[in-house]
Structure formats: C-alpha cells, structure tokens
C-alpha cells in the first residue's frame, strides 16, 4: 500500500520508547530487510540481531527494507542471546507452539499494552523472534519474562518473520497512539440545518405528489416517513441538500434545450394493470 511521505514528521520522537526487536539467527537477508520495513511502519528503530547468518547490511536486505535503511544501519549484532537482552526490563518471546514453560502467555494486543506501561514507567522492552524455520529454542524462551503468541489458524500457525514483527509493531503502535486512524473523511461542507432538511422534504414530496409517485393514498404517510428517515440516515451536508434539490428540479422540470424532454410523469396504476 503506497503511503510513504518523507515530508511528514516521524512520530517516533513523540512516542514512548518502543520495544527492541531481537532476531535470533535470521537466515535470509530479505527477511531482515522486510523486518526493518515493518519496524519503520510503526516507529520502531532498535534492531538487535543474534548470530545472524543473513547479510543484514547487504543489497537484498536494503531492497526489501523499502527505504527503512536507518533501521538496518543502526542494527546491533551479538553472539549470545543473553548479551542482546542487556538493558531490558521486560522481555517477551514469540512462539506459535506451547512449550511447557510456566510463563504468562499474551496475545499481541495485551503484550503491547504491557510494553507501553513498562516504557511509561521508565523501563525498556524487547521482543524476541526466532529462526525462520524452527523458531526460538526452549532455552532462549526461558530467558524471557512472558510469551507472546498469535491467534491464528492452528492448522497453519507458522508466520513469516516479518509478518510476526509487523503484528507486534502494529499492536504496540496502536496501544501507544490510541489507535486512531491516520486520516478521516474530509469535511467539505457544513452539515445541513434542520430547516434546510425540512425544505428538501417539502420540495421532494411535492414533486413526488405531482408525478404520481404516491399511487396509494393509504400508503402515502408511511412512504413519506420512510423517505424522510432514509435522508436523515444520510446525515446530509449542506452541499448534499443543495445537490438533491437540483436533482429533483432537473427530473421534474425536464432537460432544457431544443432536444430536451419535458416533465416525466409516472403512468397511472390502471395503465400498468392493463385496465
């Protein structure tokens, strides 16, 4: 989805410190680059790589980073998981499988809220992600305080490395920012006043009467109520009301000009019945 705009301010500076993303033995440079891109999407910048077999600074990683080179350039490399966790006060390990370890288990949303609270209290958080094929080892998970797992189809629970980072990053960003959408529907016209809506009702209902729309007098009242409620549900703007006035006028008065047609009337009900 296109949306990168480097003229806009980066929210990272205004947010609480995001979690460090810790990759244990990533094998493919493409995955490291995609992880960097996912991190930049959600204002995460601290990437720690343990015994990475992938060429994290190579061309493939940069291509898949799609411009998130600052994440790759700042990445730190470690030989031991324990060293990669230094300075963190809350560490979470991701896994798709139950490992038989007595640790609290969180979905990504709950884990994100915990991390936001921890950061607000001055702590530093980190989330560990394992190897592309086998994930984290049990001994590595034992170094974490909590486990994060994703609510996915149990018959196909394996996630791509960057997908897993993206889900955690999204939930963290949503928890840190309140989850408001990045933009809203533009308001180009003020809402119509009650009097303006009533004037539209009078215009529309008058023309419908003239055209023979209300064929059954017994049903007119209920049909009018339905039309009014339909328009109310629209919550029309002033421009909407003006446009509807113009549409009604064009249909009722006919198209001007030498080849224009005249006013259209509905056929009487008896004509439709063949009588």
C-alpha atoms as a PDB file:
ATOM      1  CA  UNK A   1       0.000   0.000   0.000  1.00  0.00           C
ATOM      2  CA  UNK A   2       1.643   3.223  -1.139  1.00  0.00           C
ATOM      3  CA  UNK A   3       1.891   5.794   1.606  1.00  0.00           C
ATOM      4  CA  UNK A   4       5.476   6.746   2.385  1.00  0.00           C
ATOM      5  CA  UNK A   5       5.789  10.516   2.668  1.00  0.00           C
ATOM      6  CA  UNK A   6       9.131  11.757   3.923  1.00  0.00           C
ATOM      7  CA  UNK A   7       7.808  15.300   4.169  1.00  0.00           C
ATOM      8  CA  UNK A   8       5.698  14.284   7.160  1.00  0.00           C
ATOM      9  CA  UNK A   9       7.023  14.217  10.691  1.00  0.00           C
ATOM     10  CA  UNK A  10       8.187  10.932  12.170  1.00  0.00           C
ATOM     11  CA  UNK A  11       6.078  10.091  15.225  1.00  0.00           C
ATOM     12  CA  UNK A  12       8.877   8.064  16.820  1.00  0.00           C
ATOM     13  CA  UNK A  13      10.208  11.039  18.812  1.00  0.00           C
ATOM     14  CA  UNK A  14       6.817  11.780  20.354  1.00  0.00           C
ATOM     15  CA  UNK A  15       6.028   8.212  21.440  1.00  0.00           C
ATOM     16  CA  UNK A  16       7.235   6.207  24.441  1.00  0.00           C
ATOM     17  CA  UNK A  17      10.296   4.113  23.713  1.00  0.00           C
ATOM     18  CA  UNK A  18       9.229   1.214  21.527  1.00  0.00           C
ATOM     19  CA  UNK A  19      10.402  -2.331  22.122  1.00  0.00           C
ATOM     20  CA  UNK A  20      13.699  -3.555  20.754  1.00  0.00           C
ATOM     21  CA  UNK A  21      13.200  -6.209  18.086  1.00  0.00           C
ATOM     22  CA  UNK A  22      15.572  -9.126  18.654  1.00  0.00           C
ATOM     23  CA  UNK A  23      16.105 -11.567  15.783  1.00  0.00           C
ATOM     24  CA  UNK A  24      17.810 -14.820  16.690  1.00  0.00           C
ATOM     25  CA  UNK A  25      19.807 -16.339  13.828  1.00  0.00           C
ATOM     26  CA  UNK A  26      17.867 -14.921  10.884  1.00  0.00           C
ATOM     27  CA  UNK A  27      18.942 -16.727   7.728  1.00  0.00           C
ATOM     28  CA  UNK A  28      17.608 -14.616   4.851  1.00  0.00           C
ATOM     29  CA  UNK A  29      18.648 -11.053   4.117  1.00  0.00           C
ATOM     30  CA  UNK A  30      15.252 -10.491   2.505  1.00  0.00           C
ATOM     31  CA  UNK A  31      13.555 -11.237   5.815  1.00  0.00           C
ATOM     32  CA  UNK A  32      15.824  -8.867   7.722  1.00  0.00           C
ATOM     33  CA  UNK A  33      15.017  -6.107   5.238  1.00  0.00           C
ATOM     34  CA  UNK A  34      11.284  -6.801   5.477  1.00  0.00           C
ATOM     35  CA  UNK A  35      11.558  -6.715   9.274  1.00  0.00           C
ATOM     36  CA  UNK A  36      13.217  -3.287   9.063  1.00  0.00           C
ATOM     37  CA  UNK A  37      10.372  -2.065   6.872  1.00  0.00           C
ATOM     38  CA  UNK A  38       7.755  -3.399   9.299  1.00  0.00           C
ATOM     39  CA  UNK A  39       9.552  -1.703  12.180  1.00  0.00           C
ATOM     40  CA  UNK A  40       9.659   1.655  10.397  1.00  0.00           C
ATOM     41  CA  UNK A  41       5.926   1.357   9.630  1.00  0.00           C
ATOM     42  CA  UNK A  42       5.250   1.510  13.357  1.00  0.00           C
ATOM     43  CA  UNK A  43       8.021   3.839  14.573  1.00  0.00           C
ATOM     44  CA  UNK A  44      10.312   1.094  15.903  1.00  0.00           C
ATOM     45  CA  UNK A  45      14.005   1.640  15.341  1.00  0.00           C
ATOM     46  CA  UNK A  46      16.054  -0.636  17.611  1.00  0.00           C
ATOM     47  CA  UNK A  47      17.009  -3.870  15.858  1.00  0.00           C
ATOM     48  CA  UNK A  48      19.244  -6.408  17.592  1.00  0.00           C
ATOM     49  CA  UNK A  49      20.494  -9.446  15.670  1.00  0.00           C
ATOM     50  CA  UNK A  50      21.954 -12.554  17.295  1.00  0.00           C
ATOM     51  CA  UNK A  51      24.332 -14.690  15.205  1.00  0.00           C
ATOM     52  CA  UNK A  52      22.699 -13.526  12.016  1.00  0.00           C
ATOM     53  CA  UNK A  53      23.566 -15.654   9.018  1.00  0.00           C
ATOM     54  CA  UNK A  54      21.909 -13.169   6.708  1.00  0.00           C
ATOM     55  CA  UNK A  55      23.833 -10.265   5.246  1.00  0.00           C
ATOM     56  CA  UNK A  56      21.791  -7.708   7.159  1.00  0.00           C
ATOM     57  CA  UNK A  57      23.566  -4.736   5.556  1.00  0.00           C
ATOM     58  CA  UNK A  58      23.633  -6.276   2.086  1.00  0.00           C
ATOM     59  CA  UNK A  59      21.809  -5.129  -1.037  1.00  0.00           C
ATOM     60  CA  UNK A  60      18.992  -7.672  -0.727  1.00  0.00           C
ATOM     61  CA  UNK A  61      18.164  -6.503   2.775  1.00  0.00           C
ATOM     62  CA  UNK A  62      18.138  -2.878   1.656  1.00  0.00           C
ATOM     63  CA  UNK A  63      15.839  -3.601  -1.268  1.00  0.00           C
ATOM     64  CA  UNK A  64      13.329  -5.352   0.978  1.00  0.00           C
ATOM     65  CA  UNK A  65      13.644  -2.594   3.589  1.00  0.00           C
ATOM     66  CA  UNK A  66      11.964  -0.241   1.071  1.00  0.00           C
ATOM     67  CA  UNK A  67      13.698   2.838   2.419  1.00  0.00           C
ATOM     68  CA  UNK A  68      13.936   1.829   6.096  1.00  0.00           C
ATOM     69  CA  UNK A  69      17.735   1.894   5.836  1.00  0.00           C
ATOM     70  CA  UNK A  70      18.097   3.762   9.104  1.00  0.00           C
ATOM     71  CA  UNK A  71      16.877   0.652  10.936  1.00  0.00           C
ATOM     72  CA  UNK A  72      19.399  -1.585   9.166  1.00  0.00           C
ATOM     73  CA  UNK A  73      22.262   0.874   9.576  1.00  0.00           C
ATOM     74  CA  UNK A  74      21.649   1.153  13.326  1.00  0.00           C
ATOM     75  CA  UNK A  75      21.240  -2.600  13.896  1.00  0.00           C
ATOM     76  CA  UNK A  76      23.438  -4.113  16.604  1.00  0.00           C
ATOM     77  CA  UNK A  77      24.922  -7.599  16.336  1.00  0.00           C
ATOM     78  CA  UNK A  78      25.542 -10.088  19.150  1.00  0.00           C
ATOM     79  CA  UNK A  79      26.938 -13.573  19.541  1.00  0.00           C
ATOM     80  CA  UNK A  80      24.823 -14.502  22.566  1.00  0.00           C
ATOM     81  CA  UNK A  81      21.131 -14.031  23.230  1.00  0.00           C
ATOM     82  CA  UNK A  82      21.906 -13.019  26.800  1.00  0.00           C
ATOM     83  CA  UNK A  83      24.016 -10.092  25.551  1.00  0.00           C
ATOM     84  CA  UNK A  84      21.257  -8.995  23.148  1.00  0.00           C
ATOM     85  CA  UNK A  85      18.868  -8.731  26.106  1.00  0.00           C
ATOM     86  CA  UNK A  86      21.145  -6.449  28.118  1.00  0.00           C
ATOM     87  CA  UNK A  87      19.490  -3.324  29.495  1.00  0.00           C
ATOM     88  CA  UNK A  88      15.944  -4.573  29.024  1.00  0.00           C
ATOM     89  CA  UNK A  89      13.468  -4.726  31.899  1.00  0.00           C
ATOM     90  CA  UNK A  90      10.715  -6.666  30.131  1.00  0.00           C
ATOM     91  CA  UNK A  91      11.485  -9.366  27.580  1.00  0.00           C
ATOM     92  CA  UNK A  92       8.847 -11.271  25.623  1.00  0.00           C
ATOM     93  CA  UNK A  93       9.427 -14.332  23.447  1.00  0.00           C
ATOM     94  CA  UNK A  94       7.264 -15.138  20.438  1.00  0.00           C
ATOM     95  CA  UNK A  95       6.218 -18.700  19.664  1.00  0.00           C
ATOM     96  CA  UNK A  96       3.423 -20.471  17.848  1.00  0.00           C
ATOM     97  CA  UNK A  97       3.700 -23.615  19.989  1.00  0.00           C
ATOM     98  CA  UNK A  98       3.044 -24.366  23.632  1.00  0.00           C
ATOM     99  CA  UNK A  99       6.447 -25.079  25.158  1.00  0.00           C
ATOM    100  CA  UNK A 100       5.501 -26.413  28.572  1.00  0.00           C
ATOM    101  CA  UNK A 101       7.067 -23.432  30.349  1.00  0.00           C
ATOM    102  CA  UNK A 102       5.221 -21.823  33.246  1.00  0.00           C
ATOM    103  CA  UNK A 103       5.152 -18.299  31.880  1.00  0.00           C
ATOM    104  CA  UNK A 104       2.315 -15.826  31.346  1.00  0.00           C
ATOM    105  CA  UNK A 105       1.060 -16.014  27.748  1.00  0.00           C
ATOM    106  CA  UNK A 106      -0.234 -12.883  25.993  1.00  0.00           C
ATOM    107  CA  UNK A 107      -1.841 -12.135  22.661  1.00  0.00           C
ATOM    108  CA  UNK A 108      -0.076  -9.306  20.796  1.00  0.00           C
ATOM    109  CA  UNK A 109      -2.602  -6.664  21.900  1.00  0.00           C
ATOM    110  CA  UNK A 110      -2.236  -7.459  25.594  1.00  0.00           C
ATOM    111  CA  UNK A 111       1.542  -7.675  25.264  1.00  0.00           C
ATOM    112  CA  UNK A 112       1.615  -4.269  23.580  1.00  0.00           C
ATOM    113  CA  UNK A 113      -0.344  -2.651  26.398  1.00  0.00           C
ATOM    114  CA  UNK A 114       2.073  -4.132  28.938  1.00  0.00           C
ATOM    115  CA  UNK A 115       5.025  -2.732  26.999  1.00  0.00           C
ATOM    116  CA  UNK A 116       3.513   0.744  26.791  1.00  0.00           C
ATOM    117  CA  UNK A 117       3.008   0.765  30.570  1.00  0.00           C
ATOM    118  CA  UNK A 118       6.545  -0.535  31.148  1.00  0.00           C
ATOM    119  CA  UNK A 119       8.018   2.172  28.912  1.00  0.00           C
ATOM    120  CA  UNK A 120       5.947   4.873  30.614  1.00  0.00           C
ATOM    121  CA  UNK A 121       7.469   3.787  33.927  1.00  0.00           C
ATOM    122  CA  UNK A 122      10.991   4.137  32.551  1.00  0.00           C
ATOM    123  CA  UNK A 123      11.540   0.519  31.573  1.00  0.00           C
ATOM    124  CA  UNK A 124      12.910  -0.892  28.324  1.00  0.00           C
ATOM    125  CA  UNK A 125      11.181  -3.710  26.475  1.00  0.00           C
ATOM    126  CA  UNK A 126      12.255  -6.235  23.912  1.00  0.00           C
ATOM    127  CA  UNK A 127      10.562  -8.907  21.836  1.00  0.00           C
ATOM    128  CA  UNK A 128      12.457 -11.989  20.638  1.00  0.00           C
ATOM    129  CA  UNK A 129      11.757 -13.669  17.311  1.00  0.00           C
ATOM    130  CA  UNK A 130      13.259 -17.000  16.344  1.00  0.00           C
ATOM    131  CA  UNK A 131      14.671 -18.651  13.269  1.00  0.00           C
ATOM    132  CA  UNK A 132      12.579 -18.702  10.111  1.00  0.00           C
ATOM    133  CA  UNK A 133      12.257 -22.483  10.092  1.00  0.00           C
ATOM    134  CA  UNK A 134      12.368 -23.583  13.720  1.00  0.00           C
ATOM    135  CA  UNK A 135      11.648 -20.514  15.851  1.00  0.00           C
ATOM    136  CA  UNK A 136      13.177 -19.954  19.275  1.00  0.00           C
ATOM    137  CA  UNK A 137      14.704 -22.781  21.261  1.00  0.00           C
ATOM    138  CA  UNK A 138      13.309 -23.615  24.693  1.00  0.00           C
ATOM    139  CA  UNK A 139      16.415 -22.320  26.462  1.00  0.00           C
ATOM    140  CA  UNK A 140      16.041 -18.997  24.654  1.00  0.00           C
ATOM    141  CA  UNK A 141      12.382 -18.732  25.625  1.00  0.00           C
ATOM    142  CA  UNK A 142      13.377 -19.397  29.236  1.00  0.00           C
ATOM    143  CA  UNK A 143      15.270 -16.079  29.202  1.00  0.00           C
ATOM    144  CA  UNK A 144      12.031 -14.140  28.603  1.00  0.00           C
ATOM    145  CA  UNK A 145       9.576 -12.948  31.237  1.00  0.00           C
ATOM    146  CA  UNK A 146       6.495 -13.656  29.148  1.00  0.00           C
ATOM    147  CA  UNK A 147       5.406 -15.393  25.961  1.00  0.00           C
ATOM    148  CA  UNK A 148       3.587 -13.801  23.024  1.00  0.00           C
ATOM    149  CA  UNK A 149       1.574 -15.987  20.683  1.00  0.00           C
ATOM    150  CA  UNK A 150      -0.688 -15.089  17.802  1.00  0.00           C
ATOM    151  CA  UNK A 151      -4.335 -16.114  17.419  1.00  0.00           C
ATOM    152  CA  UNK A 152      -4.005 -17.847  14.053  1.00  0.00           C
ATOM    153  CA  UNK A 153      -5.363 -20.904  12.299  1.00  0.00           C
ATOM    154  CA  UNK A 154      -3.883 -23.784  14.349  1.00  0.00           C
ATOM    155  CA  UNK A 155      -3.625 -25.895  11.218  1.00  0.00           C
ATOM    156  CA  UNK A 156      -1.295 -23.297   9.673  1.00  0.00           C
ATOM    157  CA  UNK A 157       0.220 -21.330  12.529  1.00  0.00           C
ATOM    158  CA  UNK A 158       3.614 -20.531  11.012  1.00  0.00           C
ATOM    159  CA  UNK A 159       4.146 -16.840  10.275  1.00  0.00           C
ATOM    160  CA  UNK A 160       6.797 -15.253   8.124  1.00  0.00           C
ATOM    161  CA  UNK A 161       9.359 -13.466  10.308  1.00  0.00           C
ATOM    162  CA  UNK A 162       8.456 -10.005   9.046  1.00  0.00           C
ATOM    163  CA  UNK A 163       4.742 -10.752   9.403  1.00  0.00           C
ATOM    164  CA  UNK A 164       5.233 -11.592  13.067  1.00  0.00           C
ATOM    165  CA  UNK A 165       7.210  -8.393  13.655  1.00  0.00           C
ATOM    166  CA  UNK A 166       4.539  -6.423  11.796  1.00  0.00           C
ATOM    167  CA  UNK A 167       1.751  -7.753  14.038  1.00  0.00           C
ATOM    168  CA  UNK A 168       3.657  -6.910  17.213  1.00  0.00           C
ATOM    169  CA  UNK A 169       4.620  -3.483  15.856  1.00  0.00           C
ATOM    170  CA  UNK A 170       1.048  -2.706  14.832  1.00  0.00           C
ATOM    171  CA  UNK A 171      -0.366  -3.619  18.234  1.00  0.00           C
ATOM    172  CA  UNK A 172       2.330  -1.625  20.014  1.00  0.00           C
ATOM    173  CA  UNK A 173       1.765   1.435  17.830  1.00  0.00           C
ATOM    174  CA  UNK A 174      -1.988   1.196  18.321  1.00  0.00           C
ATOM    175  CA  UNK A 175      -1.572   0.970  22.107  1.00  0.00           C
ATOM    176  CA  UNK A 176       0.931   3.846  22.159  1.00  0.00           C
ATOM    177  CA  UNK A 177      -1.093   6.223  19.974  1.00  0.00           C
ATOM    178  CA  UNK A 178      -4.654   5.324  20.937  1.00  0.00           C
ATOM    179  CA  UNK A 179      -5.370   3.555  17.672  1.00  0.00           C
ATOM    180  CA  UNK A 180      -6.947   6.482  15.802  1.00  0.00           C
ATOM    181  CA  UNK A 181      -6.894   6.124  12.006  1.00  0.00           C
ATOM    182  CA  UNK A 182      -4.199   8.037  10.153  1.00  0.00           C
ATOM    183  CA  UNK A 183      -6.798  10.176   8.391  1.00  0.00           C
ATOM    184  CA  UNK A 184     -10.535  10.732   8.341  1.00  0.00           C
ATOM    185  CA  UNK A 185     -13.169  11.557   5.760  1.00  0.00           C
ATOM    186  CA  UNK A 186     -12.642  15.185   4.715  1.00  0.00           C
ATOM    187  CA  UNK A 187     -15.367  17.665   5.610  1.00  0.00           C
ATOM    188  CA  UNK A 188     -16.001  19.885   2.616  1.00  0.00           C
ATOM    189  CA  UNK A 189     -19.389  21.262   3.606  1.00  0.00           C
ATOM    190  CA  UNK A 190     -21.075  22.021   6.928  1.00  0.00           C
ATOM    191  CA  UNK A 191     -23.990  19.818   7.956  1.00  0.00           C
ATOM    192  CA  UNK A 192     -27.400  20.888   6.727  1.00  0.00           C
ATOM    193  CA  UNK A 193     -29.585  22.612   9.289  1.00  0.00           C
ATOM    194  CA  UNK A 194     -32.903  21.121  10.334  1.00  0.00           C
ATOM    195  CA  UNK A 195     -34.762  23.823   8.409  1.00  0.00           C
ATOM    196  CA  UNK A 196     -32.784  23.032   5.249  1.00  0.00           C
ATOM    197  CA  UNK A 197     -33.639  19.351   5.532  1.00  0.00           C
ATOM    198  CA  UNK A 198     -37.328  20.158   6.055  1.00  0.00           C
ATOM    199  CA  UNK A 199     -37.252  22.357   2.949  1.00  0.00           C
ATOM    200  CA  UNK A 200     -35.843  19.430   0.985  1.00  0.00           C
ATOM    201  CA  UNK A 201     -38.626  17.199   2.282  1.00  0.00           C
ATOM    202  CA  UNK A 202     -41.234  19.733   1.119  1.00  0.00           C
ATOM    203  CA  UNK A 203     -39.647  20.053  -2.327  1.00  0.00           C
ATOM    204  CA  UNK A 204     -39.205  16.309  -2.843  1.00  0.00           C
ATOM    205  CA  UNK A 205     -42.602  15.300  -1.512  1.00  0.00           C
ATOM    206  CA  UNK A 206     -44.349  17.986  -3.545  1.00  0.00           C
ATOM    207  CA  UNK A 207     -42.739  16.812  -6.763  1.00  0.00           C
ATOM    208  CA  UNK A 208     -43.448  13.169  -5.959  1.00  0.00           C
ATOM    209  CA  UNK A 209     -47.089  14.100  -5.449  1.00  0.00           C
ATOM    210  CA  UNK A 210     -47.121  15.886  -8.812  1.00  0.00           C
ATOM    211  CA  UNK A 211     -45.550  12.926 -10.627  1.00  0.00           C
ATOM    212  CA  UNK A 212     -47.989  10.401  -9.219  1.00  0.00           C
ATOM    213  CA  UNK A 213     -45.409   8.543  -7.142  1.00  0.00           C
ATOM    214  CA  UNK A 214     -47.765   8.104  -4.211  1.00  0.00           C
ATOM    215  CA  UNK A 215     -50.255   5.916  -6.050  1.00  0.00           C
ATOM    216  CA  UNK A 216     -51.965   4.587  -2.971  1.00  0.00           C
ATOM    217  CA  UNK A 217     -53.342   7.328  -0.675  1.00  0.00           C
ATOM    218  CA  UNK A 218     -53.488   4.834   2.186  1.00  0.00           C
ATOM    219  CA  UNK A 219     -49.734   4.236   1.981  1.00  0.00           C
ATOM    220  CA  UNK A 220     -48.628   7.820   1.426  1.00  0.00           C
ATOM    221  CA  UNK A 221     -47.944   8.619   5.088  1.00  0.00           C
ATOM    222  CA  UNK A 222     -45.752   5.560   5.667  1.00  0.00           C
ATOM    223  CA  UNK A 223     -43.884   6.106   2.386  1.00  0.00           C
ATOM    224  CA  UNK A 224     -43.176   9.726   3.329  1.00  0.00           C
ATOM    225  CA  UNK A 225     -41.840   8.624   6.715  1.00  0.00           C
ATOM    226  CA  UNK A 226     -39.557   6.079   5.037  1.00  0.00           C
ATOM    227  CA  UNK A 227     -38.185   8.693   2.631  1.00  0.00           C
ATOM    228  CA  UNK A 228     -37.556  11.182   5.435  1.00  0.00           C
ATOM    229  CA  UNK A 229     -35.833   8.580   7.601  1.00  0.00           C
ATOM    230  CA  UNK A 230     -33.688   7.490   4.643  1.00  0.00           C
ATOM    231  CA  UNK A 231     -32.474  11.073   4.169  1.00  0.00           C
ATOM    232  CA  UNK A 232     -31.917  11.526   7.907  1.00  0.00           C
ATOM    233  CA  UNK A 233     -29.715   8.403   7.948  1.00  0.00           C
ATOM    234  CA  UNK A 234     -27.519  10.076   5.363  1.00  0.00           C
ATOM    235  CA  UNK A 235     -26.758  12.911   7.798  1.00  0.00           C
ATOM    236  CA  UNK A 236     -26.642  15.199   4.740  1.00  0.00           C
ATOM    237  CA  UNK A 237     -24.314  18.124   4.455  1.00  0.00           C
ATOM    238  CA  UNK A 238     -25.482  21.494   3.131  1.00  0.00           C
ATOM    239  CA  UNK A 239     -23.951  20.621  -0.236  1.00  0.00           C
ATOM    240  CA  UNK A 240     -25.766  17.249  -0.235  1.00  0.00           C
ATOM    241  CA  UNK A 241     -29.096  19.030   0.292  1.00  0.00           C
ATOM    242  CA  UNK A 242     -28.394  21.534  -2.481  1.00  0.00           C
ATOM    243  CA  UNK A 243     -27.413  18.729  -4.862  1.00  0.00           C
ATOM    244  CA  UNK A 244     -30.605  16.814  -4.068  1.00  0.00           C
ATOM    245  CA  UNK A 245     -32.682  19.941  -4.665  1.00  0.00           C
ATOM    246  CA  UNK A 246     -31.015  20.296  -8.063  1.00  0.00           C
ATOM    247  CA  UNK A 247     -31.614  16.639  -8.938  1.00  0.00           C
ATOM    248  CA  UNK A 248     -35.285  16.854  -8.035  1.00  0.00           C
ATOM    249  CA  UNK A 249     -35.670  20.063 -10.050  1.00  0.00           C
ATOM    250  CA  UNK A 250     -33.926  18.574 -13.105  1.00  0.00           C
ATOM    251  CA  UNK A 251     -36.119  15.477 -13.053  1.00  0.00           C
ATOM    252  CA  UNK A 252     -39.353  17.389 -12.513  1.00  0.00           C
ATOM    253  CA  UNK A 253     -38.773  20.310 -14.882  1.00  0.00           C
ATOM    254  CA  UNK A 254     -37.214  18.363 -17.748  1.00  0.00           C
ATOM    255  CA  UNK A 255     -33.963  18.918 -19.596  1.00  0.00           C
ATOM    256  CA  UNK A 256     -33.702  22.372 -21.232  1.00  0.00           C
ATOM    257  CA  UNK A 257     -32.824  22.876 -24.874  1.00  0.00           C
ATOM    258  CA  UNK A 258     -34.382  22.117 -28.262  1.00  0.00           C
ATOM    259  CA  UNK A 259     -33.841  18.355 -27.869  1.00  0.00           C
ATOM    260  CA  UNK A 260     -34.733  18.241 -24.217  1.00  0.00           C
ATOM    261  CA  UNK A 261     -37.562  16.217 -22.848  1.00  0.00           C
ATOM    262  CA  UNK A 262     -40.445  17.516 -20.826  1.00  0.00           C
ATOM    263  CA  UNK A 263     -41.540  16.673 -17.347  1.00  0.00           C
ATOM    264  CA  UNK A 264     -41.850  12.946 -16.664  1.00  0.00           C
ATOM    265  CA  UNK A 265     -44.961  11.561 -15.024  1.00  0.00           C
ATOM    266  CA  UNK A 266     -45.443   8.038 -13.759  1.00  0.00           C
ATOM    267  CA  UNK A 267     -48.053   6.034 -15.597  1.00  0.00           C
ATOM    268  CA  UNK A 268     -51.350   5.727 -13.756  1.00  0.00           C
ATOM    269  CA  UNK A 269     -51.702   2.486 -11.868  1.00  0.00           C
ATOM    270  CA  UNK A 270     -54.626   1.379 -14.094  1.00  0.00           C
ATOM    271  CA  UNK A 271     -52.401   1.619 -17.192  1.00  0.00           C
ATOM    272  CA  UNK A 272     -49.870  -0.729 -15.641  1.00  0.00           C
ATOM    273  CA  UNK A 273     -52.607  -3.216 -14.841  1.00  0.00           C
ATOM    274  CA  UNK A 274     -53.822  -3.134 -18.440  1.00  0.00           C
ATOM    275  CA  UNK A 275     -57.194  -1.740 -17.411  1.00  0.00           C
END
